[in-house]
Amino acid sequence: MTAKEYLQNTTAKLNESEIEDVNTTLHFDFGSETYTMNVAAGKAVLKEGFEGTAECVIKANEADFVKIATGDMNPMMAMMMGKLKISNPGAMMKYAKMLGLM
């Protein structure tokens, strides 16, 4: 699985009732690839590149992100080791469950 596939699958799985009150933009920076996830009005849309102003930027290399997303790497350990950088940890805590990262 690639990071893009994970994000596409996550976006497709989000249930409208679970995200109806969520209004955010998240940026994912994997070095050579960047993505924007917009969540608003009960819909989640994933786009290539950065669009708009992000509430939170998640930065990691693709392999490490996939390990975190699949549960092979603990996100807190990844942050402590510098393998995962989050611009707004408070916001990320709100959305980690939605993204399947916790």
PDB file of N, CA and C in Angstrom:
ATOM      1  N   MET A   1       0.844  -1.182   0.000  1.00  0.00           N
ATOM      2  CA  MET A   1       0.000   0.000   0.000  1.00  0.00           C
ATOM      3  C   MET A   1       0.887   1.242   0.000  1.00  0.00           C
ATOM      4  N   THR A   2       0.486   2.242  -0.770  1.00  0.00           N
ATOM      5  CA  THR A   2       1.198   3.517  -0.777  1.00  0.00           C
ATOM      6  C   THR A   2       0.441   4.507   0.115  1.00  0.00           C
ATOM      7  N   ALA A   3       1.103   5.600   0.429  1.00  0.00           N
ATOM      8  CA  ALA A   3       0.451   6.632   1.231  1.00  0.00           C
ATOM      9  C   ALA A   3      -0.760   7.197   0.491  1.00  0.00           C
ATOM     10  N   LYS A   4      -0.637   7.384  -0.811  1.00  0.00           N
ATOM     11  CA  LYS A   4      -1.752   7.905  -1.609  1.00  0.00           C
ATOM     12  C   LYS A   4      -2.944   6.944  -1.551  1.00  0.00           C
ATOM     13  N   GLU A   5      -2.674   5.651  -1.697  1.00  0.00           N
ATOM     14  CA  GLU A   5      -3.753   4.660  -1.628  1.00  0.00           C
ATOM     15  C   GLU A   5      -4.425   4.687  -0.259  1.00  0.00           C
ATOM     16  N   TYR A   6      -3.618   4.807   0.788  1.00  0.00           N
ATOM     17  CA  TYR A   6      -4.184   4.865   2.141  1.00  0.00           C
ATOM     18  C   TYR A   6      -5.108   6.075   2.276  1.00  0.00           C
ATOM     19  N   LEU A   7      -4.643   7.236   1.819  1.00  0.00           N
ATOM     20  CA  LEU A   7      -5.463   8.444   1.925  1.00  0.00           C
ATOM     21  C   LEU A   7      -6.715   8.346   1.069  1.00  0.00           C
ATOM     22  N   GLN A   8      -6.605   7.771  -0.129  1.00  0.00           N
ATOM     23  CA  GLN A   8      -7.781   7.591  -0.987  1.00  0.00           C
ATOM     24  C   GLN A   8      -8.796   6.662  -0.323  1.00  0.00           C
ATOM     25  N   ASN A   9      -8.320   5.555   0.239  1.00  0.00           N
ATOM     26  CA  ASN A   9      -9.209   4.606   0.914  1.00  0.00           C
ATOM     27  C   ASN A   9      -9.870   5.246   2.131  1.00  0.00           C
ATOM     28  N   THR A  10      -9.098   6.007   2.891  1.00  0.00           N
ATOM     29  CA  THR A  10      -9.630   6.665   4.081  1.00  0.00           C
ATOM     30  C   THR A  10     -10.697   7.679   3.698  1.00  0.00           C
ATOM     31  N   THR A  11     -10.426   8.469   2.680  1.00  0.00           N
ATOM     32  CA  THR A  11     -11.388   9.468   2.220  1.00  0.00           C
ATOM     33  C   THR A  11     -12.680   8.800   1.774  1.00  0.00           C
ATOM     34  N   ALA A  12     -12.564   7.703   1.046  1.00  0.00           N
ATOM     35  CA  ALA A  12     -13.744   6.993   0.541  1.00  0.00           C
ATOM     36  C   ALA A  12     -14.563   6.363   1.663  1.00  0.00           C
ATOM     37  N   LYS A  13     -13.895   5.951   2.750  1.00  0.00           N
ATOM     38  CA  LYS A  13     -14.577   5.262   3.853  1.00  0.00           C
ATOM     39  C   LYS A  13     -15.261   6.194   4.840  1.00  0.00           C
ATOM     40  N   LEU A  14     -14.918   7.469   4.820  1.00  0.00           N
ATOM     41  CA  LEU A  14     -15.490   8.381   5.806  1.00  0.00           C
ATOM     42  C   LEU A  14     -16.992   8.502   5.604  1.00  0.00           C
ATOM     43  N   ASN A  15     -17.699   8.255   6.669  1.00  0.00           N
ATOM     44  CA  ASN A  15     -19.158   8.262   6.667  1.00  0.00           C
ATOM     45  C   ASN A  15     -19.654   9.692   6.862  1.00  0.00           C
ATOM     46  N   GLU A  16     -20.600  10.097   6.054  1.00  0.00           N
ATOM     47  CA  GLU A  16     -21.122  11.463   6.122  1.00  0.00           C
ATOM     48  C   GLU A  16     -21.571  11.841   7.531  1.00  0.00           C
ATOM     49  N   SER A  17     -22.226  10.927   8.243  1.00  0.00           N
ATOM     50  CA  SER A  17     -22.702  11.240   9.588  1.00  0.00           C
ATOM     51  C   SER A  17     -21.549  11.412  10.575  1.00  0.00           C
ATOM     52  N   GLU A  18     -20.416  10.756  10.329  1.00  0.00           N
ATOM     53  CA  GLU A  18     -19.259  10.878  11.218  1.00  0.00           C
ATOM     54  C   GLU A  18     -18.539  12.209  11.038  1.00  0.00           C
ATOM     55  N   ILE A  19     -18.636  12.792   9.852  1.00  0.00           N
ATOM     56  CA  ILE A  19     -17.865  14.006   9.576  1.00  0.00           C
ATOM     57  C   ILE A  19     -18.741  15.218   9.260  1.00  0.00           C
ATOM     58  N   GLU A  20     -20.047  15.117   9.536  1.00  0.00           N
ATOM     59  CA  GLU A  20     -20.941  16.214   9.178  1.00  0.00           C
ATOM     60  C   GLU A  20     -20.610  17.524   9.887  1.00  0.00           C
ATOM     61  N   ASP A  21     -20.011  17.465  11.067  1.00  0.00           N
ATOM     62  CA  ASP A  21     -19.662  18.677  11.809  1.00  0.00           C
ATOM     63  C   ASP A  21     -18.193  19.066  11.649  1.00  0.00           C
ATOM     64  N   VAL A  22     -17.455  18.330  10.839  1.00  0.00           N
ATOM     65  CA  VAL A  22     -16.034  18.606  10.645  1.00  0.00           C
ATOM     66  C   VAL A  22     -15.863  19.567   9.472  1.00  0.00           C
ATOM     67  N   ASN A  23     -15.019  20.572   9.674  1.00  0.00           N
ATOM     68  CA  ASN A  23     -14.696  21.516   8.615  1.00  0.00           C
ATOM     69  C   ASN A  23     -13.209  21.825   8.739  1.00  0.00           C
ATOM     70  N   THR A  24     -12.391  21.156   7.923  1.00  0.00           N
ATOM     71  CA  THR A  24     -10.948  21.333   8.042  1.00  0.00           C
ATOM     72  C   THR A  24     -10.255  21.050   6.722  1.00  0.00           C
ATOM     73  N   THR A  25      -9.021  21.503   6.644  1.00  0.00           N
ATOM     74  CA  THR A  25      -8.130  21.185   5.538  1.00  0.00           C
ATOM     75  C   THR A  25      -6.845  20.653   6.143  1.00  0.00           C
ATOM     76  N   LEU A  26      -6.425  19.493   5.660  1.00  0.00           N
ATOM     77  CA  LEU A  26      -5.189  18.865   6.122  1.00  0.00           C
ATOM     78  C   LEU A  26      -4.242  18.719   4.941  1.00  0.00           C
ATOM     79  N   HIS A  27      -2.978  19.037   5.157  1.00  0.00           N
ATOM     80  CA  HIS A  27      -1.954  18.836   4.131  1.00  0.00           C
ATOM     81  C   HIS A  27      -1.065  17.667   4.539  1.00  0.00           C
ATOM     82  N   PHE A  28      -0.741  16.831   3.572  1.00  0.00           N
ATOM     83  CA  PHE A  28       0.160  15.701   3.776  1.00  0.00           C
ATOM     84  C   PHE A  28       1.368  15.908   2.884  1.00  0.00           C
ATOM     85  N   ASP A  29       2.548  15.939   3.495  1.00  0.00           N
ATOM     86  CA  ASP A  29       3.797  16.178   2.767  1.00  0.00           C
ATOM     87  C   ASP A  29       4.678  14.942   2.880  1.00  0.00           C
ATOM     88  N   PHE A  30       4.808  14.220   1.770  1.00  0.00           N
ATOM     89  CA  PHE A  30       5.643  13.016   1.748  1.00  0.00           C
ATOM     90  C   PHE A  30       6.936  13.251   0.967  1.00  0.00           C
ATOM     91  N   GLY A  31       7.358  14.490   0.882  1.00  0.00           N
ATOM     92  CA  GLY A  31       8.579  14.816   0.148  1.00  0.00           C
ATOM     93  C   GLY A  31       8.288  15.036  -1.324  1.00  0.00           C
ATOM     94  N   SER A  32       8.316  13.974  -2.093  1.00  0.00           N
ATOM     95  CA  SER A  32       8.084  14.109  -3.535  1.00  0.00           C
ATOM     96  C   SER A  32       6.603  14.200  -3.886  1.00  0.00           C
ATOM     97  N   GLU A  33       5.732  13.857  -2.956  1.00  0.00           N
ATOM     98  CA  GLU A  33       4.292  13.918  -3.197  1.00  0.00           C
ATOM     99  C   GLU A  33       3.626  14.699  -2.070  1.00  0.00           C
ATOM    100  N   THR A  34       2.653  15.536  -2.450  1.00  0.00           N
ATOM    101  CA  THR A  34       1.887  16.292  -1.463  1.00  0.00           C
ATOM    102  C   THR A  34       0.403  16.151  -1.783  1.00  0.00           C
ATOM    103  N   TYR A  35      -0.403  16.177  -0.727  1.00  0.00           N
ATOM    104  CA  TYR A  35      -1.851  15.995  -0.875  1.00  0.00           C
ATOM    105  C   TYR A  35      -2.589  16.945   0.057  1.00  0.00           C
ATOM    106  N   THR A  36      -3.791  17.296  -0.343  1.00  0.00           N
ATOM    107  CA  THR A  36      -4.691  18.092   0.480  1.00  0.00           C
ATOM    108  C   THR A  36      -5.963  17.291   0.691  1.00  0.00           C
ATOM    109  N   MET A  37      -6.396  17.186   1.934  1.00  0.00           N
ATOM    110  CA  MET A  37      -7.683  16.573   2.244  1.00  0.00           C
ATOM    111  C   MET A  37      -8.585  17.669   2.803  1.00  0.00           C
ATOM    112  N   ASN A  38      -9.654  17.927   2.098  1.00  0.00           N
ATOM    113  CA  ASN A  38     -10.658  18.885   2.552  1.00  0.00           C
ATOM    114  C   ASN A  38     -11.846  18.102   3.090  1.00  0.00           C
ATOM    115  N   VAL A  39     -12.248  18.452   4.300  1.00  0.00           N
ATOM    116  CA  VAL A  39     -13.413  17.822   4.910  1.00  0.00           C
ATOM    117  C   VAL A  39     -14.378  18.937   5.282  1.00  0.00           C
ATOM    118  N   ALA A  40     -15.570  18.900   4.684  1.00  0.00           N
ATOM    119  CA  ALA A  40     -16.582  19.918   4.963  1.00  0.00           C
ATOM    120  C   ALA A  40     -17.942  19.403   4.509  1.00  0.00           C
ATOM    121  N   ALA A  41     -18.973  19.830   5.211  1.00  0.00           N
ATOM    122  CA  ALA A  41     -20.362  19.504   4.852  1.00  0.00           C
ATOM    123  C   ALA A  41     -20.584  18.002   4.664  1.00  0.00           C
ATOM    124  N   GLY A  42     -19.936  17.212   5.498  1.00  0.00           N
ATOM    125  CA  GLY A  42     -20.131  15.764   5.443  1.00  0.00           C
ATOM    126  C   GLY A  42     -19.421  15.065   4.299  1.00  0.00           C
ATOM    127  N   LYS A  43     -18.501  15.752   3.621  1.00  0.00           N
ATOM    128  CA  LYS A  43     -17.772  15.143   2.508  1.00  0.00           C
ATOM    129  C   LYS A  43     -16.278  15.346   2.679  1.00  0.00           C
ATOM    130  N   ALA A  44     -15.524  14.354   2.262  1.00  0.00           N
ATOM    131  CA  ALA A  44     -14.066  14.440   2.280  1.00  0.00           C
ATOM    132  C   ALA A  44     -13.560  14.291   0.853  1.00  0.00           C
ATOM    133  N   VAL A  45     -12.649  15.179   0.465  1.00  0.00           N
ATOM    134  CA  VAL A  45     -12.098  15.166  -0.882  1.00  0.00           C
ATOM    135  C   VAL A  45     -10.576  15.216  -0.779  1.00  0.00           C
ATOM    136  N   LEU A  46      -9.914  14.313  -1.504  1.00  0.00           N
ATOM    137  CA  LEU A  46      -8.456  14.274  -1.534  1.00  0.00           C
ATOM    138  C   LEU A  46      -7.990  14.800  -2.881  1.00  0.00           C
ATOM    139  N   LYS A  47      -7.036  15.731  -2.848  1.00  0.00           N
ATOM    140  CA  LYS A  47      -6.478  16.306  -4.072  1.00  0.00           C
ATOM    141  C   LYS A  47      -4.962  16.248  -4.008  1.00  0.00           C
ATOM    142  N   GLU A  48      -4.339  16.124  -5.174  1.00  0.00           N
ATOM    143  CA  GLU A  48      -2.881  16.167  -5.230  1.00  0.00           C
ATOM    144  C   GLU A  48      -2.429  17.609  -5.096  1.00  0.00           C
ATOM    145  N   GLY A  49      -1.306  17.804  -4.424  1.00  0.00           N
ATOM    146  CA  GLY A  49      -0.763  19.143  -4.201  1.00  0.00           C
ATOM    147  C   GLY A  49      -1.403  19.805  -2.998  1.00  0.00           C
ATOM    148  N   PHE A  50      -0.861  20.964  -2.656  1.00  0.00           N
ATOM    149  CA  PHE A  50      -1.399  21.739  -1.538  1.00  0.00           C
ATOM    150  C   PHE A  50      -2.400  22.750  -2.071  1.00  0.00           C
ATOM    151  N   GLU A  51      -3.570  22.790  -1.451  1.00  0.00           N
ATOM    152  CA  GLU A  51      -4.596  23.773  -1.796  1.00  0.00           C
ATOM    153  C   GLU A  51      -5.122  24.392  -0.514  1.00  0.00           C
ATOM    154  N   GLY A  52      -5.235  25.674  -0.496  1.00  0.00           N
ATOM    155  CA  GLY A  52      -5.802  26.362   0.658  1.00  0.00           C
ATOM    156  C   GLY A  52      -4.863  26.392   1.849  1.00  0.00           C
ATOM    157  N   THR A  53      -5.394  26.858   2.952  1.00  0.00           N
ATOM    158  CA  THR A  53      -4.649  26.953   4.201  1.00  0.00           C
ATOM    159  C   THR A  53      -4.999  25.758   5.069  1.00  0.00           C
ATOM    160  N   ALA A  54      -3.982  25.034   5.477  1.00  0.00           N
ATOM    161  CA  ALA A  54      -4.205  23.823   6.270  1.00  0.00           C
ATOM    162  C   ALA A  54      -4.289  24.139   7.749  1.00  0.00           C
ATOM    163  N   GLU A  55      -5.207  23.449   8.411  1.00  0.00           N
ATOM    164  CA  GLU A  55      -5.269  23.514   9.869  1.00  0.00           C
ATOM    165  C   GLU A  55      -4.104  22.733  10.462  1.00  0.00           C
ATOM    166  N   CYS A  56      -3.664  21.727   9.711  1.00  0.00           N
ATOM    167  CA  CYS A  56      -2.584  20.860  10.182  1.00  0.00           C
ATOM    168  C   CYS A  56      -1.815  20.317   8.978  1.00  0.00           C
ATOM    169  N   VAL A  57      -0.483  20.287   9.091  1.00  0.00           N
ATOM    170  CA  VAL A  57       0.367  19.701   8.060  1.00  0.00           C
ATOM    171  C   VAL A  57       1.040  18.479   8.664  1.00  0.00           C
ATOM    172  N   ILE A  58       0.888  17.342   8.001  1.00  0.00           N
ATOM    173  CA  ILE A  58       1.503  16.091   8.431  1.00  0.00           C
ATOM    174  C   ILE A  58       2.651  15.814   7.471  1.00  0.00           C
ATOM    175  N   LYS A  59       3.859  15.707   8.020  1.00  0.00           N
ATOM    176  CA  LYS A  59       5.038  15.526   7.178  1.00  0.00           C
ATOM    177  C   LYS A  59       5.780  14.268   7.612  1.00  0.00           C
ATOM    178  N   ALA A  60       6.038  13.387   6.638  1.00  0.00           N
ATOM    179  CA  ALA A  60       6.781  12.145   6.892  1.00  0.00           C
ATOM    180  C   ALA A  60       7.227  11.600   5.545  1.00  0.00           C
ATOM    181  N   ASN A  61       8.212  10.694   5.568  1.00  0.00           N
ATOM    182  CA  ASN A  61       8.480  10.044   4.291  1.00  0.00           C
ATOM    183  C   ASN A  61       7.387   9.002   4.090  1.00  0.00           C
ATOM    184  N   GLU A  62       7.147   8.650   2.845  1.00  0.00           N
ATOM    185  CA  GLU A  62       6.005   7.804   2.520  1.00  0.00           C
ATOM    186  C   GLU A  62       6.056   6.455   3.239  1.00  0.00           C
ATOM    187  N   ALA A  63       7.213   5.836   3.286  1.00  0.00           N
ATOM    188  CA  ALA A  63       7.326   4.520   3.919  1.00  0.00           C
ATOM    189  C   ALA A  63       6.965   4.584   5.404  1.00  0.00           C
ATOM    190  N   ASP A  64       7.445   5.617   6.093  1.00  0.00           N
ATOM    191  CA  ASP A  64       7.131   5.757   7.519  1.00  0.00           C
ATOM    192  C   ASP A  64       5.649   6.038   7.731  1.00  0.00           C
ATOM    193  N   PHE A  65       5.048   6.863   6.870  1.00  0.00           N
ATOM    194  CA  PHE A  65       3.613   7.141   7.004  1.00  0.00           C
ATOM    195  C   PHE A  65       2.802   5.857   6.845  1.00  0.00           C
ATOM    196  N   VAL A  66       3.165   5.042   5.874  1.00  0.00           N
ATOM    197  CA  VAL A  66       2.446   3.777   5.661  1.00  0.00           C
ATOM    198  C   VAL A  66       2.597   2.879   6.883  1.00  0.00           C
ATOM    199  N   LYS A  67       3.793   2.843   7.479  1.00  0.00           N
ATOM    200  CA  LYS A  67       3.990   2.037   8.690  1.00  0.00           C
ATOM    201  C   LYS A  67       3.101   2.540   9.826  1.00  0.00           C
ATOM    202  N   ILE A  68       3.005   3.854   9.966  1.00  0.00           N
ATOM    203  CA  ILE A  68       2.153   4.438  11.004  1.00  0.00           C
ATOM    204  C   ILE A  68       0.686   4.102  10.717  1.00  0.00           C
ATOM    205  N   ALA A  69       0.277   4.290   9.476  1.00  0.00           N
ATOM    206  CA  ALA A  69      -1.123   4.068   9.093  1.00  0.00           C
ATOM    207  C   ALA A  69      -1.547   2.612   9.247  1.00  0.00           C
ATOM    208  N   THR A  70      -0.625   1.678   9.047  1.00  0.00           N
ATOM    209  CA  THR A  70      -0.961   0.260   9.147  1.00  0.00           C
ATOM    210  C   THR A  70      -0.708  -0.306  10.543  1.00  0.00           C
ATOM    211  N   GLY A  71      -0.239   0.538  11.460  1.00  0.00           N
ATOM    212  CA  GLY A  71      -0.023   0.099  12.836  1.00  0.00           C
ATOM    213  C   GLY A  71       1.323  -0.538  13.085  1.00  0.00           C
ATOM    214  N   ASP A  72       2.217  -0.512  12.097  1.00  0.00           N
ATOM    215  CA  ASP A  72       3.544  -1.092  12.279  1.00  0.00           C
ATOM    216  C   ASP A  72       4.510  -0.143  12.978  1.00  0.00           C
ATOM    217  N   MET A  73       4.129   1.131  13.115  1.00  0.00           N
ATOM    218  CA  MET A  73       4.961   2.098  13.819  1.00  0.00           C
ATOM    219  C   MET A  73       4.049   2.950  14.689  1.00  0.00           C
ATOM    220  N   ASN A  74       4.433   3.144  15.931  1.00  0.00           N
ATOM    221  CA  ASN A  74       3.677   3.958  16.863  1.00  0.00           C
ATOM    222  C   ASN A  74       3.833   5.429  16.482  1.00  0.00           C
ATOM    223  N   PRO A  75       2.715   6.166  16.306  1.00  0.00           N
ATOM    224  CA  PRO A  75       2.818   7.573  15.902  1.00  0.00           C
ATOM    225  C   PRO A  75       3.570   8.447  16.903  1.00  0.00           C
ATOM    226  N   MET A  76       3.399   8.192  18.183  1.00  0.00           N
ATOM    227  CA  MET A  76       4.105   8.993  19.188  1.00  0.00           C
ATOM    228  C   MET A  76       5.607   8.746  19.125  1.00  0.00           C
ATOM    229  N   MET A  77       6.001   7.481  18.942  1.00  0.00           N
ATOM    230  CA  MET A  77       7.421   7.164  18.804  1.00  0.00           C
ATOM    231  C   MET A  77       7.981   7.796  17.533  1.00  0.00           C
ATOM    232  N   ALA A  78       7.201   7.756  16.463  1.00  0.00           N
ATOM    233  CA  ALA A  78       7.642   8.348  15.196  1.00  0.00           C
ATOM    234  C   ALA A  78       7.880   9.846  15.366  1.00  0.00           C
ATOM    235  N   MET A  79       7.004  10.516  16.122  1.00  0.00           N
ATOM    236  CA  MET A  79       7.198  11.947  16.377  1.00  0.00           C
ATOM    237  C   MET A  79       8.449  12.188  17.204  1.00  0.00           C
ATOM    238  N   MET A  80       8.653  11.374  18.232  1.00  0.00           N
ATOM    239  CA  MET A  80       9.822  11.547  19.096  1.00  0.00           C
ATOM    240  C   MET A  80      11.123  11.293  18.339  1.00  0.00           C
ATOM    241  N   MET A  81      11.077  10.399  17.355  1.00  0.00           N
ATOM    242  CA  MET A  81      12.274  10.088  16.566  1.00  0.00           C
ATOM    243  C   MET A  81      12.432  11.032  15.370  1.00  0.00           C
ATOM    244  N   GLY A  82      11.489  11.961  15.190  1.00  0.00           N
ATOM    245  CA  GLY A  82      11.571  12.907  14.092  1.00  0.00           C
ATOM    246  C   GLY A  82      11.128  12.347  12.747  1.00  0.00           C
ATOM    247  N   LYS A  83      10.509  11.177  12.757  1.00  0.00           N
ATOM    248  CA  LYS A  83      10.046  10.560  11.510  1.00  0.00           C
ATOM    249  C   LYS A  83       8.674  11.073  11.095  1.00  0.00           C
ATOM    250  N   LEU A  84       7.975  11.709  12.018  1.00  0.00           N
ATOM    251  CA  LEU A  84       6.650  12.266  11.764  1.00  0.00           C
ATOM    252  C   LEU A  84       6.626  13.657  12.372  1.00  0.00           C
ATOM    253  N   LYS A  85       6.289  14.639  11.546  1.00  0.00           N
ATOM    254  CA  LYS A  85       6.207  16.018  12.029  1.00  0.00           C
ATOM    255  C   LYS A  85       4.792  16.519  11.787  1.00  0.00           C
ATOM    256  N   ILE A  86       4.227  17.127  12.813  1.00  0.00           N
ATOM    257  CA  ILE A  86       2.854  17.616  12.747  1.00  0.00           C
ATOM    258  C   ILE A  86       2.861  19.080  13.160  1.00  0.00           C
ATOM    259  N   SER A  87       2.341  19.937  12.287  1.00  0.00           N
ATOM    260  CA  SER A  87       2.394  21.379  12.544  1.00  0.00           C
ATOM    261  C   SER A  87       1.480  21.812  13.684  1.00  0.00           C
ATOM    262  N   ASN A  88       0.390  21.100  13.892  1.00  0.00           N
ATOM    263  CA  ASN A  88      -0.593  21.470  14.915  1.00  0.00           C
ATOM    264  C   ASN A  88      -1.053  20.189  15.620  1.00  0.00           C
ATOM    265  N   PRO A  89      -0.268  19.707  16.595  1.00  0.00           N
ATOM    266  CA  PRO A  89      -0.615  18.435  17.253  1.00  0.00           C
ATOM    267  C   PRO A  89      -2.008  18.423  17.874  1.00  0.00           C
ATOM    268  N   GLY A  90      -2.484  19.551  18.389  1.00  0.00           N
ATOM    269  CA  GLY A  90      -3.822  19.602  18.982  1.00  0.00           C
ATOM    270  C   GLY A  90      -4.900  19.289  17.957  1.00  0.00           C
ATOM    271  N   ALA A  91      -4.774  19.872  16.785  1.00  0.00           N
ATOM    272  CA  ALA A  91      -5.742  19.595  15.716  1.00  0.00           C
ATOM    273  C   ALA A  91      -5.614  18.150  15.263  1.00  0.00           C
ATOM    274  N   MET A  92      -4.400  17.667  15.175  1.00  0.00           N
ATOM    275  CA  MET A  92      -4.192  16.286  14.713  1.00  0.00           C
ATOM    276  C   MET A  92      -4.849  15.294  15.662  1.00  0.00           C
ATOM    277  N   MET A  93      -4.837  15.590  16.940  1.00  0.00           N
ATOM    278  CA  MET A  93      -5.486  14.693  17.900  1.00  0.00           C
ATOM    279  C   MET A  93      -6.994  14.602  17.618  1.00  0.00           C
ATOM    280  N   LYS A  94      -7.588  15.706  17.153  1.00  0.00           N
ATOM    281  CA  LYS A  94      -9.019  15.690  16.825  1.00  0.00           C
ATOM    282  C   LYS A  94      -9.297  14.801  15.618  1.00  0.00           C
ATOM    283  N   TYR A  95      -8.352  14.744  14.683  1.00  0.00           N
ATOM    284  CA  TYR A  95      -8.605  14.072  13.412  1.00  0.00           C
ATOM    285  C   TYR A  95      -7.918  12.713  13.258  1.00  0.00           C
ATOM    286  N   ALA A  96      -7.083  12.335  14.216  1.00  0.00           N
ATOM    287  CA  ALA A  96      -6.336  11.075  14.101  1.00  0.00           C
ATOM    288  C   ALA A  96      -7.263   9.878  13.993  1.00  0.00           C
ATOM    289  N   LYS A  97      -8.315   9.864  14.778  1.00  0.00           N
ATOM    290  CA  LYS A  97      -9.254   8.738  14.719  1.00  0.00           C
ATOM    291  C   LYS A  97      -9.983   8.717  13.375  1.00  0.00           C
ATOM    292  N   MET A  98     -10.391   9.892  12.920  1.00  0.00           N
ATOM    293  CA  MET A  98     -11.066  10.002  11.635  1.00  0.00           C
ATOM    294  C   MET A  98     -10.186   9.437  10.508  1.00  0.00           C
ATOM    295  N   LEU A  99      -8.881   9.685  10.619  1.00  0.00           N
ATOM    296  CA  LEU A  99      -7.940   9.236   9.593  1.00  0.00           C
ATOM    297  C   LEU A  99      -7.482   7.794   9.799  1.00  0.00           C
ATOM    298  N   GLY A 100      -7.926   7.162  10.885  1.00  0.00           N
ATOM    299  CA  GLY A 100      -7.518   5.793  11.158  1.00  0.00           C
ATOM    300  C   GLY A 100      -6.109   5.664  11.675  1.00  0.00           C
ATOM    301  N   LEU A 101      -5.580   6.742  12.245  1.00  0.00           N
ATOM    302  CA  LEU A 101      -4.209   6.719  12.751  1.00  0.00           C
ATOM    303  C   LEU A 101      -4.137   6.425  14.238  1.00  0.00           C
ATOM    304  N   MET A 102      -5.309   6.240  14.865  1.00  0.00           N
ATOM    305  CA  MET A 102      -5.337   5.889  16.294  1.00  0.00           C
ATOM    306  C   MET A 102      -6.431   4.877  16.526  1.00  0.00           C
TER     307      MET A 102
END
